[in-house]
Amino acid sequence: MNLLDTSFVVDLLRGDETVSGFLDSESATTAVTYFEMMSFRKRRKLKAEGAILERFFSEVPVLPFTRAAAEEASAITARLMDIGRPVNALDVLIASIALSERAERLITRDRDFLEIAKICDLSVTIY
């Protein structure tokens, strides 16, 4: 399974052709990405993009933040803090879901995930 980060969904909304090759029937995203995108939509009062988002989230599975993911997130955060490399907490939550769900790779343009991948077994594809 490819796990699609928030940056992927943003770029898909913008019509970025580079992301379309990563979207397949095995793709999933996270409740964290859903939260980020719905917050963006409501803050900006997007109507046209709202329909696209609704379609995307109805077709692509949204993986929850579980207790197992919380355990992964706490370990990631502790390791990053120990080496003096803190990253955005929402990125840690997304990475922890990828790990707990055994995603083959995380698809993103956000380089914070490369820092996370240095301290755990997270496969990241930057486009």
Protein backbone atom coordinates (compact mmCIF):
# COMPACT_ATOMS: atom_id res chain seq x y z
CA MET A 1 0.00 0.00 0.00
CA ASN A 2 1.13 3.53 -0.83
CA LEU A 3 0.27 6.01 1.90
CA LEU A 4 -0.50 9.46 0.50
CA ASP A 5 0.61 12.44 2.58
CA THR A 6 -1.25 15.75 2.79
CA SER A 7 1.13 17.38 0.31
CA PHE A 8 0.08 14.74 -2.23
CA VAL A 9 -3.61 15.60 -1.78
CA VAL A 10 -2.86 19.33 -2.09
CA ASP A 11 -0.94 18.73 -5.32
CA LEU A 12 -3.69 16.46 -6.66
CA LEU A 13 -6.19 19.28 -6.01
CA ARG A 14 -3.94 21.68 -7.90
CA GLY A 15 -3.86 19.34 -10.90
CA ASP A 16 -0.15 18.54 -10.55
CA GLU A 17 0.57 15.80 -13.10
CA THR A 18 3.57 14.43 -11.15
CA VAL A 19 1.31 12.88 -8.50
CA SER A 20 -1.12 10.98 -10.74
CA GLY A 21 1.29 8.10 -11.33
CA PHE A 22 1.34 7.26 -7.62
CA LEU A 23 -2.44 6.96 -7.20
CA ASP A 24 -3.70 3.40 -7.56
CA SER A 25 -6.20 0.96 -6.07
CA GLU A 26 -3.76 0.15 -3.25
CA SER A 27 -3.41 3.77 -2.11
CA ALA A 28 -4.62 5.06 1.24
CA THR A 29 -4.34 8.23 3.28
CA THR A 30 -4.74 9.08 6.95
CA ALA A 31 -7.24 10.69 9.30
CA VAL A 32 -4.54 13.31 9.90
CA THR A 33 -4.53 14.24 6.20
CA TYR A 34 -8.34 14.29 6.24
CA PHE A 35 -8.22 16.68 9.21
CA GLU A 36 -5.68 18.95 7.52
CA MET A 37 -7.59 19.09 4.25
CA MET A 38 -10.99 19.66 5.86
CA SER A 39 -9.53 22.43 8.02
CA PHE A 40 -8.06 24.05 4.92
CA ARG A 41 -11.35 23.69 3.06
CA LYS A 42 -13.41 25.23 5.87
CA ARG A 43 -10.95 28.03 6.52
CA ARG A 44 -10.87 29.01 2.84
CA LYS A 45 -14.57 28.24 2.22
CA LEU A 46 -13.69 26.22 -0.87
CA LYS A 47 -16.66 24.99 -2.87
CA ALA A 48 -15.32 23.57 -6.13
CA GLU A 49 -12.34 21.96 -4.39
CA GLY A 50 -14.70 20.64 -1.73
CA ALA A 51 -16.42 18.38 -4.25
CA ILE A 52 -13.05 17.06 -5.42
CA LEU A 53 -11.99 16.40 -1.82
CA GLU A 54 -15.24 14.60 -1.03
CA ARG A 55 -14.77 12.37 -4.06
CA PHE A 56 -11.12 11.69 -3.19
CA PHE A 57 -11.90 10.76 0.42
CA SER A 58 -14.85 8.59 -0.62
CA GLU A 59 -12.61 6.59 -2.99
CA VAL A 60 -9.36 6.39 -1.02
CA PRO A 61 -9.33 4.60 2.35
CA VAL A 62 -8.66 6.88 5.33
CA LEU A 63 -6.58 5.07 7.95
CA PRO A 64 -7.23 5.97 11.61
CA PHE A 65 -4.79 7.09 14.27
CA THR A 66 -4.83 4.05 16.55
CA ARG A 67 -3.18 3.17 19.83
CA ALA A 68 -0.48 1.30 17.88
CA ALA A 69 0.13 4.44 15.83
CA ALA A 70 0.31 6.48 19.04
CA GLU A 71 3.03 4.12 20.34
CA GLU A 72 4.97 4.57 17.08
CA ALA A 73 4.50 8.35 17.24
CA SER A 74 5.80 8.59 20.79
CA ALA A 75 8.89 6.54 19.88
CA ILE A 76 9.55 8.67 16.77
CA THR A 77 9.15 11.91 18.71
CA ALA A 78 11.47 10.74 21.49
CA ARG A 79 14.18 9.66 19.02
CA LEU A 80 13.95 12.90 17.04
CA MET A 81 14.13 14.99 20.20
CA ASP A 82 17.12 12.94 21.42
CA ILE A 83 19.07 13.80 18.27
CA GLY A 84 17.89 17.42 18.19
CA ARG A 85 15.80 17.08 15.02
CA PRO A 86 12.17 17.78 15.92
CA VAL A 87 9.70 17.90 13.02
CA ASN A 88 6.07 18.90 12.62
CA ALA A 89 3.92 16.82 14.98
CA LEU A 90 1.31 16.11 12.29
CA ASP A 91 4.05 14.61 10.09
CA VAL A 92 5.03 12.35 12.98
CA LEU A 93 1.41 11.19 13.30
CA ILE A 94 1.19 10.45 9.57
CA ALA A 95 4.50 8.54 9.67
CA SER A 96 3.34 6.56 12.69
CA ILE A 97 0.18 5.50 10.86
CA ALA A 98 2.30 4.43 7.87
CA LEU A 99 4.47 2.30 10.16
CA SER A 100 1.64 0.78 12.20
CA GLU A 101 -0.29 -0.08 9.01
CA ARG A 102 2.87 -1.45 7.36
CA ALA A 103 2.64 0.83 4.32
CA GLU A 104 5.14 -0.02 1.61
CA ARG A 105 6.00 3.64 1.20
CA LEU A 106 4.86 7.13 2.07
CA ILE A 107 4.39 9.39 -0.96
CA THR A 108 5.08 13.08 -0.27
CA ARG A 109 6.94 16.22 -1.26
CA ASP A 110 7.52 17.09 2.42
CA ARG A 111 11.18 16.54 3.29
CA ASP A 112 10.46 16.32 7.04
CA PHE A 113 9.63 12.68 6.38
CA LEU A 114 13.24 12.07 5.34
CA GLU A 115 14.31 13.10 8.85
CA ILE A 116 11.79 10.66 10.30
CA ALA A 117 12.98 7.89 7.97
CA LYS A 118 16.53 8.28 9.32
CA ILE A 119 15.46 6.99 12.73
CA CYS A 120 12.92 4.29 11.83
CA ASP A 121 11.95 1.84 9.11
CA LEU A 122 9.87 4.28 7.04
CA SER A 123 10.16 4.12 3.27
CA VAL A 124 9.61 7.59 1.79
CA THR A 125 9.22 8.57 -1.85
CA ILE A 126 9.72 12.28 -2.52
CA TYR A 127 8.29 13.47 -5.81
